[in-house]
Each structure stands twice: as structure tokens, then as C-alpha cells.
Amino acid sequence: MKQLTAIIRQEKLEVLKEALFDAGIRGMTISQVQGCGNQHGWKEYVRGTEVLLNTIPKVKFDIVVDEDQVDGLIQVICSATHTGGVGDGKIFVTPVDDVIRIRTGEHGRGAL
């Protein structure tokens, strides 16, 4: 099993949710996060004072799937969230040793 963590633009939240549902993904965890990438923020002026905004609001999706689904889901995520601009986001793929459903005690694929 693998965990896909996608950090994307806020405006792509609903688009990605629908794309994942259409791809047959039943469960996901969605979090509102803040961070900075290569651009390290930008400067704005508030009441004449320069302010450095170095964290940007983003949305984080965590999904655990079988290894054979990873490549297809990466394509779904990229297609749904790509704008071509700086700040489109990142996808991280990490191994998952086990999953346990608390209610039933099931392990592995059955718990997904």
C-alpha cells in the first residue's frame, strides 16, 4: 500500500474531490494547510506598510491505496489540479506498512 499526499491550490479542492470520486476513491483526508515553496511568498502593502507574506494557504489530500492504483491516481490528481502556474502543488508518495480499521480490527486491504 502507498499513501499519496497532494498539496494543491485551494480553488482546486472541489475539482479534485470530484475527480477522485469519479476514479473510485472512497476515502480521503482533507486538511487546510499553509506553507511556502520555491517562491517564498510575496510582498504586499497594507496601509502604506510593506508586509512580507511568506506562507500561502493550500489544501492537503491524504489517500491510501493499493500500489497498482498509484500511477493512475497521480495522473488524475495532476489532470484535475494543473494550471501551469507557480504554486500548482506537489504529490508525495510514501509506503504504508499496515492499515487497521478500529471498529472491526481488520488489517491491510480489507481495512481500506
C-alpha atoms as a PDB file:
ATOM      1  CA  MET A   1       0.000   0.000   0.000  1.00  0.00           C
ATOM      2  CA  LYS A   2       1.034   3.584  -0.613  1.00  0.00           C
ATOM      3  CA  GLN A   3      -0.030   6.933   0.764  1.00  0.00           C
ATOM      4  CA  LEU A   4      -0.443   9.779  -1.705  1.00  0.00           C
ATOM      5  CA  THR A   5      -0.226  13.224  -0.173  1.00  0.00           C
ATOM      6  CA  ALA A   6      -1.152  16.024  -2.552  1.00  0.00           C
ATOM      7  CA  ILE A   7      -0.762  19.683  -1.628  1.00  0.00           C
ATOM      8  CA  ILE A   8      -2.765  21.815  -4.046  1.00  0.00           C
ATOM      9  CA  ARG A   9      -4.307  25.235  -4.635  1.00  0.00           C
ATOM     10  CA  GLN A  10      -7.440  25.995  -2.607  1.00  0.00           C
ATOM     11  CA  GLU A  11      -9.508  26.716  -5.709  1.00  0.00           C
ATOM     12  CA  LYS A  12      -8.903  23.148  -6.966  1.00  0.00           C
ATOM     13  CA  LEU A  13     -10.445  21.473  -3.880  1.00  0.00           C
ATOM     14  CA  GLU A  14     -13.848  20.631  -5.369  1.00  0.00           C
ATOM     15  CA  VAL A  15     -12.418  19.754  -8.784  1.00  0.00           C
ATOM     16  CA  LEU A  16     -10.027  17.222  -7.247  1.00  0.00           C
ATOM     17  CA  LYS A  17     -12.656  15.763  -4.903  1.00  0.00           C
ATOM     18  CA  GLU A  18     -14.965  15.076  -7.851  1.00  0.00           C
ATOM     19  CA  ALA A  19     -12.134  13.614  -9.937  1.00  0.00           C
ATOM     20  CA  LEU A  20     -11.161  11.264  -7.099  1.00  0.00           C
ATOM     21  CA  PHE A  21     -14.775  10.158  -6.560  1.00  0.00           C
ATOM     22  CA  ASP A  22     -15.068   9.513 -10.318  1.00  0.00           C
ATOM     23  CA  ALA A  23     -11.852   7.440 -10.124  1.00  0.00           C
ATOM     24  CA  GLY A  24     -13.450   5.229  -7.460  1.00  0.00           C
ATOM     25  CA  ILE A  25     -11.644   6.586  -4.399  1.00  0.00           C
ATOM     26  CA  ARG A  26     -13.907   6.068  -1.406  1.00  0.00           C
ATOM     27  CA  GLY A  27     -11.909   7.668   1.386  1.00  0.00           C
ATOM     28  CA  MET A  28      -9.605  10.646   1.745  1.00  0.00           C
ATOM     29  CA  THR A  29      -8.495  13.080   4.408  1.00  0.00           C
ATOM     30  CA  ILE A  30      -8.560  16.773   3.521  1.00  0.00           C
ATOM     31  CA  SER A  31      -6.791  19.459   5.550  1.00  0.00           C
ATOM     32  CA  GLN A  32      -6.414  23.216   5.229  1.00  0.00           C
ATOM     33  CA  VAL A  33      -2.681  23.959   5.480  1.00  0.00           C
ATOM     34  CA  GLN A  34      -0.237  26.798   4.918  1.00  0.00           C
ATOM     35  CA  GLY A  35       3.253  26.686   3.522  1.00  0.00           C
ATOM     36  CA  CYS A  36       5.742  28.073   1.098  1.00  0.00           C
ATOM     37  CA  GLY A  37       7.576  26.624  -1.841  1.00  0.00           C
ATOM     38  CA  ASN A  38      10.248  27.980  -4.141  1.00  0.00           C
ATOM     39  CA  GLN A  39       8.618  31.419  -4.361  1.00  0.00           C
ATOM     40  CA  HIS A  40       8.892  32.015  -0.568  1.00  0.00           C
ATOM     41  CA  GLY A  41       5.893  34.346  -0.588  1.00  0.00           C
ATOM     42  CA  TRP A  42       5.499  37.890  -1.847  1.00  0.00           C
ATOM     43  CA  LYS A  43       5.317  41.480  -0.637  1.00  0.00           C
ATOM     44  CA  GLU A  44       2.127  43.479  -0.236  1.00  0.00           C
ATOM     45  CA  TYR A  45       1.428  46.934   1.109  1.00  0.00           C
ATOM     46  CA  VAL A  46      -1.106  47.298   3.923  1.00  0.00           C
ATOM     47  CA  ARG A  47      -1.910  50.916   4.875  1.00  0.00           C
ATOM     48  CA  GLY A  48       1.361  52.029   3.349  1.00  0.00           C
ATOM     49  CA  THR A  49       3.495  49.496   5.194  1.00  0.00           C
ATOM     50  CA  GLU A  50       5.312  46.736   3.354  1.00  0.00           C
ATOM     51  CA  VAL A  51       4.308  43.261   4.599  1.00  0.00           C
ATOM     52  CA  LEU A  52       6.046  40.001   3.610  1.00  0.00           C
ATOM     53  CA  LEU A  53       3.554  37.180   3.169  1.00  0.00           C
ATOM     54  CA  ASN A  54       5.645  34.030   3.183  1.00  0.00           C
ATOM     55  CA  THR A  55       3.043  31.328   3.741  1.00  0.00           C
ATOM     56  CA  ILE A  56       0.309  30.551   1.270  1.00  0.00           C
ATOM     57  CA  PRO A  57      -2.985  28.784   2.081  1.00  0.00           C
ATOM     58  CA  LYS A  58      -3.176  25.344   0.447  1.00  0.00           C
ATOM     59  CA  VAL A  59      -5.255  22.165   0.682  1.00  0.00           C
ATOM     60  CA  LYS A  60      -3.703  18.807   1.594  1.00  0.00           C
ATOM     61  CA  PHE A  61      -5.221  15.494   0.455  1.00  0.00           C
ATOM     62  CA  ASP A  62      -4.098  12.203   2.032  1.00  0.00           C
ATOM     63  CA  ILE A  63      -5.160   8.982   0.302  1.00  0.00           C
ATOM     64  CA  VAL A  64      -4.039   5.394   0.997  1.00  0.00           C
ATOM     65  CA  VAL A  65      -4.380   2.983  -1.939  1.00  0.00           C
ATOM     66  CA  ASP A  66      -3.030  -0.289  -3.312  1.00  0.00           C
ATOM     67  CA  GLU A  67       0.250   0.022  -5.179  1.00  0.00           C
ATOM     68  CA  ASP A  68      -1.371  -0.774  -8.530  1.00  0.00           C
ATOM     69  CA  GLN A  69      -3.549   2.369  -8.261  1.00  0.00           C
ATOM     70  CA  VAL A  70      -0.719   4.845  -7.645  1.00  0.00           C
ATOM     71  CA  ASP A  71       0.212   5.769 -11.229  1.00  0.00           C
ATOM     72  CA  GLY A  72      -3.396   6.228 -12.313  1.00  0.00           C
ATOM     73  CA  LEU A  73      -4.215   8.409  -9.314  1.00  0.00           C
ATOM     74  CA  ILE A  74      -1.150  10.572  -9.883  1.00  0.00           C
ATOM     75  CA  GLN A  75      -2.485  11.228 -13.392  1.00  0.00           C
ATOM     76  CA  VAL A  76      -5.958  12.039 -12.003  1.00  0.00           C
ATOM     77  CA  ILE A  77      -4.504  14.468  -9.453  1.00  0.00           C
ATOM     78  CA  CYS A  78      -2.251  16.169 -11.998  1.00  0.00           C
ATOM     79  CA  SER A  79      -5.048  16.498 -14.568  1.00  0.00           C
ATOM     80  CA  ALA A  80      -7.500  17.938 -12.050  1.00  0.00           C
ATOM     81  CA  THR A  81      -5.139  20.453 -10.438  1.00  0.00           C
ATOM     82  CA  HIS A  82      -2.741  21.577 -13.197  1.00  0.00           C
ATOM     83  CA  THR A  83      -2.859  25.281 -14.122  1.00  0.00           C
ATOM     84  CA  GLY A  84       0.673  25.652 -15.453  1.00  0.00           C
ATOM     85  CA  GLY A  85       1.493  28.374 -12.953  1.00  0.00           C
ATOM     86  CA  VAL A  86       3.841  28.514  -9.995  1.00  0.00           C
ATOM     87  CA  GLY A  87       2.183  27.033  -6.915  1.00  0.00           C
ATOM     88  CA  ASP A  88       0.235  24.190  -8.535  1.00  0.00           C
ATOM     89  CA  GLY A  89       1.464  21.940  -5.720  1.00  0.00           C
ATOM     90  CA  LYS A  90       3.255  18.676  -5.078  1.00  0.00           C
ATOM     91  CA  ILE A  91       2.448  14.977  -4.691  1.00  0.00           C
ATOM     92  CA  PHE A  92       4.357  12.828  -2.206  1.00  0.00           C
ATOM     93  CA  VAL A  93       4.243   9.017  -2.363  1.00  0.00           C
ATOM     94  CA  THR A  94       5.174   7.082   0.779  1.00  0.00           C
ATOM     95  CA  PRO A  95       4.939   3.394   1.716  1.00  0.00           C
ATOM     96  CA  VAL A  96       2.308   2.249   4.215  1.00  0.00           C
ATOM     97  CA  ASP A  97       3.153  -0.864   6.246  1.00  0.00           C
ATOM     98  CA  ASP A  98      -0.338  -1.580   7.517  1.00  0.00           C
ATOM     99  CA  VAL A  99      -3.834  -0.156   7.915  1.00  0.00           C
ATOM    100  CA  ILE A 100      -6.112  -1.109  10.800  1.00  0.00           C
ATOM    101  CA  ARG A 101      -9.836  -0.397  10.884  1.00  0.00           C
ATOM    102  CA  ILE A 102     -10.517   0.471  14.523  1.00  0.00           C
ATOM    103  CA  ARG A 103     -14.163  -0.627  14.522  1.00  0.00           C
ATOM    104  CA  THR A 104     -13.562  -4.190  13.250  1.00  0.00           C
ATOM    105  CA  GLY A 105      -9.852  -4.783  13.788  1.00  0.00           C
ATOM    106  CA  GLU A 106      -9.332  -5.610  10.085  1.00  0.00           C
ATOM    107  CA  HIS A 107      -5.795  -5.235   8.744  1.00  0.00           C
ATOM    108  CA  GLY A 108      -4.410  -4.436   5.292  1.00  0.00           C
ATOM    109  CA  ARG A 109      -6.530  -4.126   2.163  1.00  0.00           C
ATOM    110  CA  GLY A 110      -9.693  -5.125   3.994  1.00  0.00           C
ATOM    111  CA  ALA A 111      -9.339  -2.067   6.213  1.00  0.00           C
ATOM    112  CA  LEU A 112      -9.235   0.313   3.266  1.00  0.00           C
END
